């Protein structure tokens, strides 16, 4: 990996055969992408005197999400979000409001000041828009398709997710290994988070 080309999120120390297997370059490319994206996000947050976590919470507050929904996005218990929300409340960027349908549910809602800061955060995150702006329209479509596939794979739960990706056998439309894809996540209404 050319360390001057990207700033990866981390480097992997996979055992063989994964370290030199057909998915190793994909994993490396993803770490490079994630590293660049997170660095851009972190620099934007710092420019607005926020931590990366506070900036994320503020982004979710623009949509008026519950504490439980925000915690789900972080992959943690709602109690771990409390301090971040408290700090944003103290800065006048968000408010806690009862859900109009169920007063037991507390929504975190961005104030006007918080919405303005969230807009500035988006405007300051220039790396991705600059990178995507260099692509041809068909390349953008390929990126969108690939990210959609990866997103669906990440949302899957069950044995396939725990055991890792499997290679599809047989020739594909292009040479090289391809990830086996199946049906996306089950659709249907999800219970309201509190």
C-alpha atoms as a PDB file:
ATOM      1  CA  UNK A   1       0.000   0.000   0.000  1.00  0.00           C
ATOM      2  CA  UNK A   2       1.316   3.427  -0.928  1.00  0.00           C
ATOM      3  CA  UNK A   3       1.104   5.293   2.385  1.00  0.00           C
ATOM      4  CA  UNK A   4       1.478   8.650   0.616  1.00  0.00           C
ATOM      5  CA  UNK A   5      -1.635   8.069  -1.511  1.00  0.00           C
ATOM      6  CA  UNK A   6      -4.107   7.828   1.380  1.00  0.00           C
ATOM      7  CA  UNK A   7      -4.199   8.115   5.124  1.00  0.00           C
ATOM      8  CA  UNK A   8      -5.864   4.843   6.122  1.00  0.00           C
ATOM      9  CA  UNK A   9      -8.057   4.532   9.171  1.00  0.00           C
ATOM     10  CA  UNK A  10      -5.679   1.837  10.401  1.00  0.00           C
ATOM     11  CA  UNK A  11      -3.602  -0.961   8.944  1.00  0.00           C
ATOM     12  CA  UNK A  12      -4.580  -4.600   9.142  1.00  0.00           C
ATOM     13  CA  UNK A  13      -2.536  -7.497  10.398  1.00  0.00           C
ATOM     14  CA  UNK A  14      -4.495 -10.330   8.878  1.00  0.00           C
ATOM     15  CA  UNK A  15      -3.166 -13.886   9.013  1.00  0.00           C
ATOM     16  CA  UNK A  16      -2.692 -15.857   5.811  1.00  0.00           C
ATOM     17  CA  UNK A  17      -4.534 -16.643   3.602  1.00  0.00           C
ATOM     18  CA  UNK A  18      -6.615 -13.456   4.135  1.00  0.00           C
ATOM     19  CA  UNK A  19      -3.540 -11.186   4.091  1.00  0.00           C
ATOM     20  CA  UNK A  20      -2.786 -11.999   0.456  1.00  0.00           C
ATOM     21  CA  UNK A  21      -6.228 -13.224  -0.572  1.00  0.00           C
ATOM     22  CA  UNK A  22      -8.425 -11.718  -3.255  1.00  0.00           C
ATOM     23  CA  UNK A  23     -10.248  -9.416  -0.815  1.00  0.00           C
ATOM     24  CA  UNK A  24      -7.099  -7.883   0.716  1.00  0.00           C
ATOM     25  CA  UNK A  25      -6.899  -5.016  -1.825  1.00  0.00           C
ATOM     26  CA  UNK A  26     -10.585  -4.243  -1.281  1.00  0.00           C
ATOM     27  CA  UNK A  27     -10.115  -4.122   2.481  1.00  0.00           C
ATOM     28  CA  UNK A  28      -7.052  -1.886   2.022  1.00  0.00           C
ATOM     29  CA  UNK A  29      -8.975   0.458  -0.284  1.00  0.00           C
ATOM     30  CA  UNK A  30     -11.838   0.692   2.206  1.00  0.00           C
ATOM     31  CA  UNK A  31      -9.454   1.534   5.044  1.00  0.00           C
ATOM     32  CA  UNK A  32      -7.967   4.274   2.881  1.00  0.00           C
ATOM     33  CA  UNK A  33     -11.403   5.663   2.049  1.00  0.00           C
ATOM     34  CA  UNK A  34     -12.601   5.519   5.645  1.00  0.00           C
ATOM     35  CA  UNK A  35      -9.388   7.132   6.875  1.00  0.00           C
ATOM     36  CA  UNK A  36      -9.660  10.047   4.444  1.00  0.00           C
ATOM     37  CA  UNK A  37     -13.359  10.512   5.163  1.00  0.00           C
ATOM     38  CA  UNK A  38     -12.919  10.453   8.942  1.00  0.00           C
ATOM     39  CA  UNK A  39      -9.983  12.854   8.791  1.00  0.00           C
ATOM     40  CA  UNK A  40     -12.082  15.264   6.731  1.00  0.00           C
ATOM     41  CA  UNK A  41     -14.998  14.885   9.170  1.00  0.00           C
ATOM     42  CA  UNK A  42     -12.749  15.364  12.210  1.00  0.00           C
ATOM     43  CA  UNK A  43     -11.116  18.494  10.764  1.00  0.00           C
ATOM     44  CA  UNK A  44     -14.549  19.973   9.988  1.00  0.00           C
ATOM     45  CA  UNK A  45     -15.728  19.238  13.553  1.00  0.00           C
ATOM     46  CA  UNK A  46     -12.595  20.784  15.065  1.00  0.00           C
ATOM     47  CA  UNK A  47     -13.061  23.904  12.933  1.00  0.00           C
ATOM     48  CA  UNK A  48     -16.458  24.292  14.637  1.00  0.00           C
ATOM     49  CA  UNK A  49     -15.017  23.563  18.118  1.00  0.00           C
ATOM     50  CA  UNK A  50     -16.745  20.186  18.351  1.00  0.00           C
ATOM     51  CA  UNK A  51     -15.489  16.672  18.801  1.00  0.00           C
ATOM     52  CA  UNK A  52     -16.198  14.190  16.048  1.00  0.00           C
ATOM     53  CA  UNK A  53     -18.800  12.477  18.264  1.00  0.00           C
ATOM     54  CA  UNK A  54     -20.524  15.785  19.067  1.00  0.00           C
ATOM     55  CA  UNK A  55     -20.656  16.630  15.359  1.00  0.00           C
ATOM     56  CA  UNK A  56     -22.269  13.255  14.651  1.00  0.00           C
ATOM     57  CA  UNK A  57     -24.886  13.765  17.374  1.00  0.00           C
ATOM     58  CA  UNK A  58     -25.629  17.233  15.991  1.00  0.00           C
ATOM     59  CA  UNK A  59     -26.160  15.747  12.534  1.00  0.00           C
ATOM     60  CA  UNK A  60     -28.690  13.273  13.937  1.00  0.00           C
ATOM     61  CA  UNK A  61     -30.361  16.052  15.964  1.00  0.00           C
ATOM     62  CA  UNK A  62     -31.126  17.916  12.739  1.00  0.00           C
ATOM     63  CA  UNK A  63     -33.508  15.029  12.042  1.00  0.00           C
ATOM     64  CA  UNK A  64     -34.931  15.096  15.595  1.00  0.00           C
ATOM     65  CA  UNK A  65     -33.900  11.575  16.568  1.00  0.00           C
ATOM     66  CA  UNK A  66     -34.497   9.931  19.944  1.00  0.00           C
ATOM     67  CA  UNK A  67     -31.628   9.217  22.312  1.00  0.00           C
ATOM     68  CA  UNK A  68     -32.083   5.490  21.627  1.00  0.00           C
ATOM     69  CA  UNK A  69     -31.972   6.027  17.852  1.00  0.00           C
ATOM     70  CA  UNK A  70     -28.785   8.085  18.148  1.00  0.00           C
ATOM     71  CA  UNK A  71     -27.221   5.465  20.428  1.00  0.00           C
ATOM     72  CA  UNK A  72     -28.108   2.806  17.847  1.00  0.00           C
ATOM     73  CA  UNK A  73     -26.187   4.801  15.200  1.00  0.00           C
ATOM     74  CA  UNK A  74     -23.163   4.832  17.537  1.00  0.00           C
ATOM     75  CA  UNK A  75     -23.599   1.157  18.414  1.00  0.00           C
ATOM     76  CA  UNK A  76     -23.848   1.855  22.128  1.00  0.00           C
ATOM     77  CA  UNK A  77     -26.250   2.199  25.041  1.00  0.00           C
ATOM     78  CA  UNK A  78     -28.207   5.500  25.251  1.00  0.00           C
ATOM     79  CA  UNK A  79     -26.460   6.293  28.554  1.00  0.00           C
ATOM     80  CA  UNK A  80     -23.225   6.694  26.566  1.00  0.00           C
ATOM     81  CA  UNK A  81     -24.808   9.483  24.495  1.00  0.00           C
ATOM     82  CA  UNK A  82     -26.008  11.518  27.468  1.00  0.00           C
ATOM     83  CA  UNK A  83     -22.756  13.442  28.021  1.00  0.00           C
ATOM     84  CA  UNK A  84     -22.449  14.360  24.360  1.00  0.00           C
ATOM     85  CA  UNK A  85     -26.034  15.617  24.283  1.00  0.00           C
ATOM     86  CA  UNK A  86     -25.535  17.485  27.590  1.00  0.00           C
ATOM     87  CA  UNK A  87     -22.560  19.336  26.077  1.00  0.00           C
ATOM     88  CA  UNK A  88     -24.528  20.252  22.933  1.00  0.00           C
ATOM     89  CA  UNK A  89     -27.437  21.467  25.110  1.00  0.00           C
ATOM     90  CA  UNK A  90     -25.001  23.620  27.114  1.00  0.00           C
ATOM     91  CA  UNK A  91     -23.692  25.101  23.846  1.00  0.00           C
ATOM     92  CA  UNK A  92     -27.252  25.926  22.776  1.00  0.00           C
ATOM     93  CA  UNK A  93     -27.018  23.628  19.738  1.00  0.00           C
ATOM     94  CA  UNK A  94     -29.695  21.065  20.659  1.00  0.00           C
ATOM     95  CA  UNK A  95     -32.697  20.674  22.945  1.00  0.00           C
ATOM     96  CA  UNK A  96     -34.295  17.624  24.483  1.00  0.00           C
ATOM     97  CA  UNK A  97     -37.989  17.489  23.655  1.00  0.00           C
ATOM     98  CA  UNK A  98     -40.657  14.923  24.451  1.00  0.00           C
ATOM     99  CA  UNK A  99     -41.875  12.928  21.473  1.00  0.00           C
ATOM    100  CA  UNK A 100     -45.333  14.229  20.512  1.00  0.00           C
ATOM    101  CA  UNK A 101     -46.639  10.634  20.283  1.00  0.00           C
ATOM    102  CA  UNK A 102     -45.025   9.265  23.458  1.00  0.00           C
ATOM    103  CA  UNK A 103     -43.781  11.619  26.180  1.00  0.00           C
ATOM    104  CA  UNK A 104     -41.538   8.871  27.589  1.00  0.00           C
ATOM    105  CA  UNK A 105     -39.381   9.189  24.480  1.00  0.00           C
ATOM    106  CA  UNK A 106     -36.934  12.104  24.460  1.00  0.00           C
ATOM    107  CA  UNK A 107     -35.988  13.524  21.097  1.00  0.00           C
ATOM    108  CA  UNK A 108     -32.769  15.462  20.557  1.00  0.00           C
ATOM    109  CA  UNK A 109     -33.613  18.359  18.264  1.00  0.00           C
ATOM    110  CA  UNK A 110     -31.195  20.894  16.776  1.00  0.00           C
ATOM    111  CA  UNK A 111     -31.853  24.540  17.583  1.00  0.00           C
ATOM    112  CA  UNK A 112     -31.547  27.214  14.892  1.00  0.00           C
ATOM    113  CA  UNK A 113     -27.965  27.777  16.063  1.00  0.00           C
ATOM    114  CA  UNK A 114     -27.347  24.017  15.867  1.00  0.00           C
ATOM    115  CA  UNK A 115     -28.801  23.777  12.357  1.00  0.00           C
ATOM    116  CA  UNK A 116     -26.564  26.619  11.192  1.00  0.00           C
ATOM    117  CA  UNK A 117     -23.521  24.855  12.667  1.00  0.00           C
ATOM    118  CA  UNK A 118     -24.555  21.568  11.027  1.00  0.00           C
ATOM    119  CA  UNK A 119     -24.733  23.336   7.656  1.00  0.00           C
ATOM    120  CA  UNK A 120     -21.243  24.783   8.182  1.00  0.00           C
ATOM    121  CA  UNK A 121     -19.953  21.318   9.095  1.00  0.00           C
ATOM    122  CA  UNK A 122     -21.262  19.961   5.800  1.00  0.00           C
ATOM    123  CA  UNK A 123     -19.798  22.873   3.852  1.00  0.00           C
ATOM    124  CA  UNK A 124     -16.374  22.331   5.451  1.00  0.00           C
ATOM    125  CA  UNK A 125     -16.248  18.630   4.549  1.00  0.00           C
ATOM    126  CA  UNK A 126     -14.769  19.148   1.119  1.00  0.00           C
ATOM    127  CA  UNK A 127     -12.656  16.040   0.542  1.00  0.00           C
ATOM    128  CA  UNK A 128     -15.444  13.737  -0.608  1.00  0.00           C
ATOM    129  CA  UNK A 129     -17.264  16.225  -2.816  1.00  0.00           C
ATOM    130  CA  UNK A 130     -13.977  17.202  -4.446  1.00  0.00           C
ATOM    131  CA  UNK A 131     -13.044  13.559  -5.032  1.00  0.00           C
ATOM    132  CA  UNK A 132     -16.464  12.637  -6.413  1.00  0.00           C
ATOM    133  CA  UNK A 133     -16.490  15.762  -8.574  1.00  0.00           C
ATOM    134  CA  UNK A 134     -13.524  14.370 -10.523  1.00  0.00           C
ATOM    135  CA  UNK A 135     -15.467  11.268 -11.592  1.00  0.00           C
ATOM    136  CA  UNK A 136     -17.442  10.729 -14.781  1.00  0.00           C
ATOM    137  CA  UNK A 137     -21.181  10.120 -14.341  1.00  0.00           C
ATOM    138  CA  UNK A 138     -20.848   6.378 -15.035  1.00  0.00           C
ATOM    139  CA  UNK A 139     -18.079   6.163 -12.420  1.00  0.00           C
ATOM    140  CA  UNK A 140     -20.321   7.911  -9.877  1.00  0.00           C
ATOM    141  CA  UNK A 141     -23.018   5.335 -10.644  1.00  0.00           C
ATOM    142  CA  UNK A 142     -20.516   2.503 -10.031  1.00  0.00           C
ATOM    143  CA  UNK A 143     -19.448   4.051  -6.710  1.00  0.00           C
ATOM    144  CA  UNK A 144     -23.074   4.486  -5.671  1.00  0.00           C
ATOM    145  CA  UNK A 145     -23.859   0.867  -6.575  1.00  0.00           C
ATOM    146  CA  UNK A 146     -20.800  -0.484  -4.731  1.00  0.00           C
ATOM    147  CA  UNK A 147     -21.527   1.570  -1.606  1.00  0.00           C
ATOM    148  CA  UNK A 148     -25.156   0.454  -1.671  1.00  0.00           C
ATOM    149  CA  UNK A 149     -24.042  -3.171  -1.853  1.00  0.00           C
ATOM    150  CA  UNK A 150     -21.597  -2.691   1.024  1.00  0.00           C
ATOM    151  CA  UNK A 151     -24.254  -0.900   3.061  1.00  0.00           C
ATOM    152  CA  UNK A 152     -26.724  -3.735   2.565  1.00  0.00           C
ATOM    153  CA  UNK A 153     -24.055  -6.267   3.522  1.00  0.00           C
ATOM    154  CA  UNK A 154     -23.237  -4.300   6.675  1.00  0.00           C
ATOM    155  CA  UNK A 155     -26.902  -4.236   7.697  1.00  0.00           C
ATOM    156  CA  UNK A 156     -27.317  -7.967   7.316  1.00  0.00           C
ATOM    157  CA  UNK A 157     -27.384  -9.992  10.455  1.00  0.00           C
ATOM    158  CA  UNK A 158     -26.886 -13.681  10.777  1.00  0.00           C
ATOM    159  CA  UNK A 159     -24.234 -16.294  10.174  1.00  0.00           C
ATOM    160  CA  UNK A 160     -22.918 -14.789   6.907  1.00  0.00           C
ATOM    161  CA  UNK A 161     -22.076 -11.504   8.593  1.00  0.00           C
ATOM    162  CA  UNK A 162     -20.312 -13.213  11.474  1.00  0.00           C
ATOM    163  CA  UNK A 163     -18.278 -15.513   9.267  1.00  0.00           C
ATOM    164  CA  UNK A 164     -17.292 -12.791   6.805  1.00  0.00           C
ATOM    165  CA  UNK A 165     -17.825 -12.430   3.085  1.00  0.00           C
ATOM    166  CA  UNK A 166     -17.754 -15.443   0.820  1.00  0.00           C
ATOM    167  CA  UNK A 167     -16.623 -15.508  -2.754  1.00  0.00           C
ATOM    168  CA  UNK A 168     -19.180 -16.298  -5.397  1.00  0.00           C
ATOM    169  CA  UNK A 169     -18.069 -19.113  -7.642  1.00  0.00           C
ATOM    170  CA  UNK A 170     -18.262 -18.971 -11.390  1.00  0.00           C
ATOM    171  CA  UNK A 171     -17.526 -16.237 -13.863  1.00  0.00           C
ATOM    172  CA  UNK A 172     -18.955 -12.790 -13.248  1.00  0.00           C
ATOM    173  CA  UNK A 173     -19.410  -9.884 -15.612  1.00  0.00           C
ATOM    174  CA  UNK A 174     -15.788  -8.861 -15.037  1.00  0.00           C
ATOM    175  CA  UNK A 175     -12.741 -10.909 -14.219  1.00  0.00           C
ATOM    176  CA  UNK A 176     -11.725 -11.493 -10.647  1.00  0.00           C
ATOM    177  CA  UNK A 177     -13.532 -12.614  -7.505  1.00  0.00           C
ATOM    178  CA  UNK A 178     -16.885 -11.194  -6.600  1.00  0.00           C
ATOM    179  CA  UNK A 179     -18.711 -11.033  -3.326  1.00  0.00           C
ATOM    180  CA  UNK A 180     -21.704 -13.302  -3.092  1.00  0.00           C
ATOM    181  CA  UNK A 181     -24.780 -11.156  -2.677  1.00  0.00           C
ATOM    182  CA  UNK A 182     -28.157 -12.228  -1.521  1.00  0.00           C
ATOM    183  CA  UNK A 183     -31.377 -10.490  -0.720  1.00  0.00           C
ATOM    184  CA  UNK A 184     -31.033  -7.200   1.129  1.00  0.00           C
ATOM    185  CA  UNK A 185     -32.229  -6.621   4.654  1.00  0.00           C
ATOM    186  CA  UNK A 186     -35.802  -7.538   5.375  1.00  0.00           C
ATOM    187  CA  UNK A 187     -38.119  -4.628   4.927  1.00  0.00           C
ATOM    188  CA  UNK A 188     -41.094  -3.693   6.983  1.00  0.00           C
ATOM    189  CA  UNK A 189     -41.912  -1.389   9.819  1.00  0.00           C
ATOM    190  CA  UNK A 190     -39.482  -1.235  12.660  1.00  0.00           C
ATOM    191  CA  UNK A 191     -40.637  -0.624  16.210  1.00  0.00           C
ATOM    192  CA  UNK A 192     -40.183   2.961  17.350  1.00  0.00           C
ATOM    193  CA  UNK A 193     -37.017   3.380  19.407  1.00  0.00           C
ATOM    194  CA  UNK A 194     -37.225   5.159  22.700  1.00  0.00           C
END
